[in-house]
Amino acid sequence: MSAVPQLRNLLRTKVKKDLGIGIVLAIVATAVYKVTINDVRIKKYEEFHRTYDAKAHYQRMIKAGVFQSIRPDGSVTAEDWK
């Protein structure tokens, strides 16, 4: 005798199985993302902020001429403010 296919509550059992698999895969994907991407990014940010010198960066910007009111040599005159 051949097996009779299950037709009653087929959708409910299929959804339960697929939902369980989906939740497990989402948790695994989140854990992999955290370990491989997020933790590495956090370490790079910490290293940057540990070694960053704001005053030296400000002096480099002045020498590059980024600011309109400060000349590259660092001097400011009254005509620059008009």
PDB file of N, CA and C in Angstrom:
ATOM      1  N   MET A   1       0.821  -1.174   0.000  1.00  0.00           N
ATOM      2  CA  MET A   1       0.000   0.000   0.000  1.00  0.00           C
ATOM      3  C   MET A   1       0.871   1.244   0.000  1.00  0.00           C
ATOM      4  N   SER A   2       0.523   2.248  -0.799  1.00  0.00           N
ATOM      5  CA  SER A   2       1.312   3.476  -0.863  1.00  0.00           C
ATOM      6  C   SER A   2       0.888   4.443   0.235  1.00  0.00           C
ATOM      7  N   ALA A   3       1.804   5.319   0.592  1.00  0.00           N
ATOM      8  CA  ALA A   3       1.528   6.290   1.648  1.00  0.00           C
ATOM      9  C   ALA A   3       0.573   7.354   1.141  1.00  0.00           C
ATOM     10  N   VAL A   4      -0.337   7.766   1.983  1.00  0.00           N
ATOM     11  CA  VAL A   4      -1.309   8.790   1.638  1.00  0.00           C
ATOM     12  C   VAL A   4      -0.686  10.148   1.925  1.00  0.00           C
ATOM     13  N   PRO A   5      -0.738  11.093   0.987  1.00  0.00           N
ATOM     14  CA  PRO A   5      -0.150  12.407   1.243  1.00  0.00           C
ATOM     15  C   PRO A   5      -0.933  13.167   2.311  1.00  0.00           C
ATOM     16  N   GLN A   6      -0.189  13.953   3.090  1.00  0.00           N
ATOM     17  CA  GLN A   6      -0.820  14.750   4.131  1.00  0.00           C
ATOM     18  C   GLN A   6      -1.360  16.024   3.501  1.00  0.00           C
ATOM     19  N   LEU A   7      -2.654  16.220   3.569  1.00  0.00           N
ATOM     20  CA  LEU A   7      -3.256  17.419   3.008  1.00  0.00           C
ATOM     21  C   LEU A   7      -3.823  18.327   4.087  1.00  0.00           C
ATOM     22  N   ARG A   8      -4.239  17.741   5.179  1.00  0.00           N
ATOM     23  CA  ARG A   8      -4.809  18.520   6.265  1.00  0.00           C
ATOM     24  C   ARG A   8      -3.679  19.133   7.098  1.00  0.00           C
ATOM     25  N   ASN A   9      -3.748  20.422   7.362  1.00  0.00           N
ATOM     26  CA  ASN A   9      -2.742  21.171   8.145  1.00  0.00           C
ATOM     27  C   ASN A   9      -1.363  21.159   7.477  1.00  0.00           C
ATOM     28  N   LEU A  10      -1.316  20.999   6.192  1.00  0.00           N
ATOM     29  CA  LEU A  10      -0.045  20.975   5.476  1.00  0.00           C
ATOM     30  C   LEU A  10       0.649  22.334   5.546  1.00  0.00           C
ATOM     31  N   LEU A  11      -0.108  23.397   5.357  1.00  0.00           N
ATOM     32  CA  LEU A  11       0.470  24.735   5.410  1.00  0.00           C
ATOM     33  C   LEU A  11       1.020  25.041   6.798  1.00  0.00           C
ATOM     34  N   ARG A  12       0.297  24.678   7.826  1.00  0.00           N
ATOM     35  CA  ARG A  12       0.724  24.950   9.193  1.00  0.00           C
ATOM     36  C   ARG A  12       2.041  24.240   9.506  1.00  0.00           C
ATOM     37  N   THR A  13       2.163  22.990   9.155  1.00  0.00           N
ATOM     38  CA  THR A  13       3.407  22.259   9.436  1.00  0.00           C
ATOM     39  C   THR A  13       4.562  22.784   8.592  1.00  0.00           C
ATOM     40  N   LYS A  14       4.288  23.149   7.350  1.00  0.00           N
ATOM     41  CA  LYS A  14       5.328  23.691   6.478  1.00  0.00           C
ATOM     42  C   LYS A  14       5.831  25.044   7.004  1.00  0.00           C
ATOM     43  N   VAL A  15       4.891  25.889   7.446  1.00  0.00           N
ATOM     44  CA  VAL A  15       5.272  27.207   7.975  1.00  0.00           C
ATOM     45  C   VAL A  15       6.088  27.058   9.250  1.00  0.00           C
ATOM     46  N   LYS A  16       5.712  26.155  10.128  1.00  0.00           N
ATOM     47  CA  LYS A  16       6.467  25.944  11.367  1.00  0.00           C
ATOM     48  C   LYS A  16       7.913  25.542  11.056  1.00  0.00           C
ATOM     49  N   LYS A  17       8.062  24.625  10.140  1.00  0.00           N
ATOM     50  CA  LYS A  17       9.399  24.149   9.776  1.00  0.00           C
ATOM     51  C   LYS A  17      10.215  25.268   9.134  1.00  0.00           C
ATOM     52  N   ASP A  18       9.632  25.971   8.169  1.00  0.00           N
ATOM     53  CA  ASP A  18      10.359  27.035   7.469  1.00  0.00           C
ATOM     54  C   ASP A  18      10.671  28.215   8.380  1.00  0.00           C
ATOM     55  N   LEU A  19       9.761  28.531   9.301  1.00  0.00           N
ATOM     56  CA  LEU A  19       9.998  29.623  10.244  1.00  0.00           C
ATOM     57  C   LEU A  19      11.155  29.281  11.184  1.00  0.00           C
ATOM     58  N   GLY A  20      11.194  28.055  11.641  1.00  0.00           N
ATOM     59  CA  GLY A  20      12.297  27.626  12.507  1.00  0.00           C
ATOM     60  C   GLY A  20      13.632  27.704  11.795  1.00  0.00           C
ATOM     61  N   ILE A  21      13.659  27.218  10.565  1.00  0.00           N
ATOM     62  CA  ILE A  21      14.894  27.278   9.783  1.00  0.00           C
ATOM     63  C   ILE A  21      15.302  28.728   9.529  1.00  0.00           C
ATOM     64  N   GLY A  22      14.345  29.584   9.223  1.00  0.00           N
ATOM     65  CA  GLY A  22      14.638  30.995   8.962  1.00  0.00           C
ATOM     66  C   GLY A  22      15.199  31.710  10.178  1.00  0.00           C
ATOM     67  N   ILE A  23      14.636  31.423  11.346  1.00  0.00           N
ATOM     68  CA  ILE A  23      15.118  32.065  12.572  1.00  0.00           C
ATOM     69  C   ILE A  23      16.542  31.618  12.883  1.00  0.00           C
ATOM     70  N   VAL A  24      16.804  30.331  12.742  1.00  0.00           N
ATOM     71  CA  VAL A  24      18.155  29.820  13.011  1.00  0.00           C
ATOM     72  C   VAL A  24      19.166  30.431  12.041  1.00  0.00           C
ATOM     73  N   LEU A  25      18.819  30.500  10.764  1.00  0.00           N
ATOM     74  CA  LEU A  25      19.728  31.102   9.785  1.00  0.00           C
ATOM     75  C   LEU A  25      19.961  32.589  10.057  1.00  0.00           C
ATOM     76  N   ALA A  26      18.919  33.298  10.493  1.00  0.00           N
ATOM     77  CA  ALA A  26      19.085  34.717  10.814  1.00  0.00           C
ATOM     78  C   ALA A  26      20.024  34.913  12.000  1.00  0.00           C
ATOM     79  N   ILE A  27      19.912  34.075  13.001  1.00  0.00           N
ATOM     80  CA  ILE A  27      20.790  34.173  14.178  1.00  0.00           C
ATOM     81  C   ILE A  27      22.239  33.871  13.786  1.00  0.00           C
ATOM     82  N   VAL A  28      22.422  32.842  12.975  1.00  0.00           N
ATOM     83  CA  VAL A  28      23.781  32.487  12.534  1.00  0.00           C
ATOM     84  C   VAL A  28      24.379  33.609  11.687  1.00  0.00           C
ATOM     85  N   ALA A  29      23.588  34.184  10.772  1.00  0.00           N
ATOM     86  CA  ALA A  29      24.084  35.269   9.924  1.00  0.00           C
ATOM     87  C   ALA A  29      24.444  36.496  10.758  1.00  0.00           C
ATOM     88  N   THR A  30      23.643  36.795  11.770  1.00  0.00           N
ATOM     89  CA  THR A  30      23.929  37.934  12.643  1.00  0.00           C
ATOM     90  C   THR A  30      25.222  37.714  13.426  1.00  0.00           C
ATOM     91  N   ALA A  31      25.414  36.518  13.936  1.00  0.00           N
ATOM     92  CA  ALA A  31      26.639  36.222  14.691  1.00  0.00           C
ATOM     93  C   ALA A  31      27.869  36.304  13.790  1.00  0.00           C
ATOM     94  N   VAL A  32      27.773  35.776  12.583  1.00  0.00           N
ATOM     95  CA  VAL A  32      28.906  35.828  11.653  1.00  0.00           C
ATOM     96  C   VAL A  32      29.227  37.271  11.284  1.00  0.00           C
ATOM     97  N   TYR A  33      28.218  38.095  11.031  1.00  0.00           N
ATOM     98  CA  TYR A  33      28.428  39.506  10.696  1.00  0.00           C
ATOM     99  C   TYR A  33      29.098  40.237  11.851  1.00  0.00           C
ATOM    100  N   LYS A  34      28.643  39.974  13.070  1.00  0.00           N
ATOM    101  CA  LYS A  34      29.207  40.654  14.232  1.00  0.00           C
ATOM    102  C   LYS A  34      30.684  40.320  14.386  1.00  0.00           C
ATOM    103  N   VAL A  35      31.025  39.054  14.255  1.00  0.00           N
ATOM    104  CA  VAL A  35      32.408  38.626  14.472  1.00  0.00           C
ATOM    105  C   VAL A  35      33.316  39.082  13.331  1.00  0.00           C
ATOM    106  N   THR A  36      32.858  38.948  12.094  1.00  0.00           N
ATOM    107  CA  THR A  36      33.751  39.212  10.964  1.00  0.00           C
ATOM    108  C   THR A  36      33.823  40.675  10.556  1.00  0.00           C
ATOM    109  N   ILE A  37      32.762  41.430  10.730  1.00  0.00           N
ATOM    110  CA  ILE A  37      32.751  42.810  10.235  1.00  0.00           C
ATOM    111  C   ILE A  37      32.689  43.819  11.372  1.00  0.00           C
ATOM    112  N   ASN A  38      31.738  43.677  12.264  1.00  0.00           N
ATOM    113  CA  ASN A  38      31.503  44.699  13.276  1.00  0.00           C
ATOM    114  C   ASN A  38      32.654  44.801  14.283  1.00  0.00           C
ATOM    115  N   ASP A  39      33.135  43.672  14.775  1.00  0.00           N
ATOM    116  CA  ASP A  39      34.224  43.717  15.752  1.00  0.00           C
ATOM    117  C   ASP A  39      35.508  44.286  15.150  1.00  0.00           C
ATOM    118  N   VAL A  40      35.786  43.963  13.894  1.00  0.00           N
ATOM    119  CA  VAL A  40      36.968  44.495  13.213  1.00  0.00           C
ATOM    120  C   VAL A  40      36.844  46.007  13.058  1.00  0.00           C
ATOM    121  N   ARG A  41      35.661  46.474  12.690  1.00  0.00           N
ATOM    122  CA  ARG A  41      35.425  47.910  12.527  1.00  0.00           C
ATOM    123  C   ARG A  41      35.581  48.652  13.847  1.00  0.00           C
ATOM    124  N   ILE A  42      35.075  48.081  14.924  1.00  0.00           N
ATOM    125  CA  ILE A  42      35.197  48.713  16.237  1.00  0.00           C
ATOM    126  C   ILE A  42      36.670  48.822  16.639  1.00  0.00           C
ATOM    127  N   LYS A  43      37.461  47.780  16.369  1.00  0.00           N
ATOM    128  CA  LYS A  43      38.892  47.822  16.700  1.00  0.00           C
ATOM    129  C   LYS A  43      39.613  48.910  15.905  1.00  0.00           C
ATOM    130  N   LYS A  44      39.241  49.072  14.634  1.00  0.00           N
ATOM    131  CA  LYS A  44      39.870  50.120  13.814  1.00  0.00           C
ATOM    132  C   LYS A  44      39.514  51.502  14.335  1.00  0.00           C
ATOM    133  N   TYR A  45      38.252  51.717  14.732  1.00  0.00           N
ATOM    134  CA  TYR A  45      37.850  53.011  15.298  1.00  0.00           C
ATOM    135  C   TYR A  45      38.596  53.295  16.600  1.00  0.00           C
ATOM    136  N   GLU A  46      38.731  52.293  17.454  1.00  0.00           N
ATOM    137  CA  GLU A  46      39.451  52.488  18.709  1.00  0.00           C
ATOM    138  C   GLU A  46      40.912  52.844  18.452  1.00  0.00           C
ATOM    139  N   GLU A  47      41.534  52.176  17.498  1.00  0.00           N
ATOM    140  CA  GLU A  47      42.928  52.469  17.152  1.00  0.00           C
ATOM    141  C   GLU A  47      43.064  53.891  16.608  1.00  0.00           C
ATOM    142  N   PHE A  48      42.126  54.313  15.763  1.00  0.00           N
ATOM    143  CA  PHE A  48      42.169  55.670  15.222  1.00  0.00           C
ATOM    144  C   PHE A  48      42.062  56.703  16.330  1.00  0.00           C
ATOM    145  N   HIS A  49      41.110  56.536  17.237  1.00  0.00           N
ATOM    146  CA  HIS A  49      40.920  57.530  18.298  1.00  0.00           C
ATOM    147  C   HIS A  49      42.045  57.497  19.318  1.00  0.00           C
ATOM    148  N   ARG A  50      42.724  56.372  19.464  1.00  0.00           N
ATOM    149  CA  ARG A  50      43.855  56.297  20.380  1.00  0.00           C
ATOM    150  C   ARG A  50      45.049  57.069  19.834  1.00  0.00           C
ATOM    151  N   THR A  51      45.236  57.081  18.505  1.00  0.00           N
ATOM    152  CA  THR A  51      46.425  57.692  17.924  1.00  0.00           C
ATOM    153  C   THR A  51      46.155  59.043  17.266  1.00  0.00           C
ATOM    154  N   TYR A  52      44.924  59.527  17.279  1.00  0.00           N
ATOM    155  CA  TYR A  52      44.565  60.758  16.575  1.00  0.00           C
ATOM    156  C   TYR A  52      45.028  61.977  17.363  1.00  0.00           C
ATOM    157  N   ASP A  53      45.668  62.920  16.674  1.00  0.00           N
ATOM    158  CA  ASP A  53      46.110  64.173  17.291  1.00  0.00           C
ATOM    159  C   ASP A  53      45.382  65.318  16.594  1.00  0.00           C
ATOM    160  N   ALA A  54      44.412  65.899  17.283  1.00  0.00           N
ATOM    161  CA  ALA A  54      43.573  66.933  16.683  1.00  0.00           C
ATOM    162  C   ALA A  54      44.369  68.204  16.395  1.00  0.00           C
ATOM    163  N   LYS A  55      45.298  68.556  17.265  1.00  0.00           N
ATOM    164  CA  LYS A  55      46.073  69.780  17.051  1.00  0.00           C
ATOM    165  C   LYS A  55      46.978  69.662  15.826  1.00  0.00           C
ATOM    166  N   ALA A  56      47.595  68.519  15.636  1.00  0.00           N
ATOM    167  CA  ALA A  56      48.444  68.319  14.464  1.00  0.00           C
ATOM    168  C   ALA A  56      47.601  68.342  13.188  1.00  0.00           C
ATOM    169  N   HIS A  57      46.409  67.776  13.247  1.00  0.00           N
ATOM    170  CA  HIS A  57      45.525  67.788  12.080  1.00  0.00           C
ATOM    171  C   HIS A  57      45.083  69.215  11.759  1.00  0.00           C
ATOM    172  N   TYR A  58      44.824  70.006  12.781  1.00  0.00           N
ATOM    173  CA  TYR A  58      44.439  71.406  12.595  1.00  0.00           C
ATOM    174  C   TYR A  58      45.584  72.191  11.932  1.00  0.00           C
ATOM    175  N   GLN A  59      46.805  71.948  12.376  1.00  0.00           N
ATOM    176  CA  GLN A  59      47.955  72.627  11.778  1.00  0.00           C
ATOM    177  C   GLN A  59      48.146  72.215  10.314  1.00  0.00           C
ATOM    178  N   ARG A  60      47.927  70.951   9.987  1.00  0.00           N
ATOM    179  CA  ARG A  60      48.020  70.510   8.590  1.00  0.00           C
ATOM    180  C   ARG A  60      46.961  71.179   7.728  1.00  0.00           C
ATOM    181  N   MET A  61      45.759  71.380   8.265  1.00  0.00           N
ATOM    182  CA  MET A  61      44.701  72.038   7.502  1.00  0.00           C
ATOM    183  C   MET A  61      45.044  73.506   7.268  1.00  0.00           C
ATOM    184  N   ILE A  62      45.633  74.158   8.257  1.00  0.00           N
ATOM    185  CA  ILE A  62      46.034  75.556   8.093  1.00  0.00           C
ATOM    186  C   ILE A  62      47.093  75.654   6.994  1.00  0.00           C
ATOM    187  N   LYS A  63      48.096  74.792   7.023  1.00  0.00           N
ATOM    188  CA  LYS A  63      49.159  74.825   6.013  1.00  0.00           C
ATOM    189  C   LYS A  63      48.640  74.489   4.617  1.00  0.00           C
ATOM    190  N   ALA A  64      47.575  73.696   4.539  1.00  0.00           N
ATOM    191  CA  ALA A  64      47.000  73.340   3.236  1.00  0.00           C
ATOM    192  C   ALA A  64      46.106  74.442   2.688  1.00  0.00           C
ATOM    193  N   GLY A  65      45.773  75.448   3.515  1.00  0.00           N
ATOM    194  CA  GLY A  65      44.941  76.551   3.060  1.00  0.00           C
ATOM    195  C   GLY A  65      43.456  76.245   3.055  1.00  0.00           C
ATOM    196  N   VAL A  66      43.009  75.392   3.936  1.00  0.00           N
ATOM    197  CA  VAL A  66      41.602  75.014   3.985  1.00  0.00           C
ATOM    198  C   VAL A  66      40.739  76.170   4.484  1.00  0.00           C
ATOM    199  N   PHE A  67      41.235  76.931   5.448  1.00  0.00           N
ATOM    200  CA  PHE A  67      40.460  78.008   6.053  1.00  0.00           C
ATOM    201  C   PHE A  67      40.639  79.305   5.276  1.00  0.00           C
ATOM    202  N   GLN A  68      39.550  80.045   5.108  1.00  0.00           N
ATOM    203  CA  GLN A  68      39.613  81.306   4.365  1.00  0.00           C
ATOM    204  C   GLN A  68      40.167  82.446   5.218  1.00  0.00           C
ATOM    205  N   SER A  69      39.952  82.400   6.520  1.00  0.00           N
ATOM    206  CA  SER A  69      40.355  83.520   7.370  1.00  0.00           C
ATOM    207  C   SER A  69      41.771  83.375   7.919  1.00  0.00           C
ATOM    208  N   ILE A  70      42.435  82.282   7.664  1.00  0.00           N
ATOM    209  CA  ILE A  70      43.786  82.068   8.158  1.00  0.00           C
ATOM    210  C   ILE A  70      44.684  81.778   6.964  1.00  0.00           C
ATOM    211  N   ARG A  71      45.768  82.509   6.870  1.00  0.00           N
ATOM    212  CA  ARG A  71      46.724  82.277   5.789  1.00  0.00           C
ATOM    213  C   ARG A  71      47.516  80.993   6.064  1.00  0.00           C
ATOM    214  N   PRO A  72      48.119  80.416   5.048  1.00  0.00           N
ATOM    215  CA  PRO A  72      48.884  79.182   5.259  1.00  0.00           C
ATOM    216  C   PRO A  72      50.031  79.310   6.262  1.00  0.00           C
ATOM    217  N   ASP A  73      50.551  80.522   6.450  1.00  0.00           N
ATOM    218  CA  ASP A  73      51.601  80.687   7.460  1.00  0.00           C
ATOM    219  C   ASP A  73      51.030  80.830   8.863  1.00  0.00           C
ATOM    220  N   GLY A  74      49.693  80.910   9.000  1.00  0.00           N
ATOM    221  CA  GLY A  74      49.045  80.992  10.299  1.00  0.00           C
ATOM    222  C   GLY A  74      48.689  82.395  10.731  1.00  0.00           C
ATOM    223  N   SER A  75      49.027  83.412   9.940  1.00  0.00           N
ATOM    224  CA  SER A  75      48.744  84.786  10.343  1.00  0.00           C
ATOM    225  C   SER A  75      47.331  85.190   9.912  1.00  0.00           C
ATOM    226  N   VAL A  76      46.793  86.151  10.674  1.00  0.00           N
ATOM    227  CA  VAL A  76      45.468  86.697  10.387  1.00  0.00           C
ATOM    228  C   VAL A  76      45.594  88.209  10.409  1.00  0.00           C
ATOM    229  N   THR A  77      45.061  88.888   9.382  1.00  0.00           N
ATOM    230  CA  THR A  77      45.097  90.336   9.367  1.00  0.00           C
ATOM    231  C   THR A  77      43.676  90.883   9.409  1.00  0.00           C
ATOM    232  N   ALA A  78      43.557  92.193   9.647  1.00  0.00           N
ATOM    233  CA  ALA A  78      42.232  92.819   9.752  1.00  0.00           C
ATOM    234  C   ALA A  78      41.496  92.793   8.426  1.00  0.00           C
ATOM    235  N   GLU A  79      42.192  92.863   7.310  1.00  0.00           N
ATOM    236  CA  GLU A  79      41.513  92.872   6.014  1.00  0.00           C
ATOM    237  C   GLU A  79      40.903  91.497   5.684  1.00  0.00           C
ATOM    238  N   ASP A  80      41.373  90.455   6.311  1.00  0.00           N
ATOM    239  CA  ASP A  80      40.782  89.140   6.104  1.00  0.00           C
ATOM    240  C   ASP A  80      39.383  89.041   6.701  1.00  0.00           C
ATOM    241  N   TRP A  81      39.058  89.924   7.670  1.00  0.00           N
ATOM    242  CA  TRP A  81      37.781  89.848   8.351  1.00  0.00           C
ATOM    243  C   TRP A  81      36.717  90.693   7.686  1.00  0.00           C
ATOM    244  N   LYS A  82      37.059  91.453   6.670  1.00  0.00           N
ATOM    245  CA  LYS A  82      36.082  92.334   6.028  1.00  0.00           C
ATOM    246  C   LYS A  82      35.265  91.624   5.023  1.00  0.00           C
TER     247      LYS A  82
END
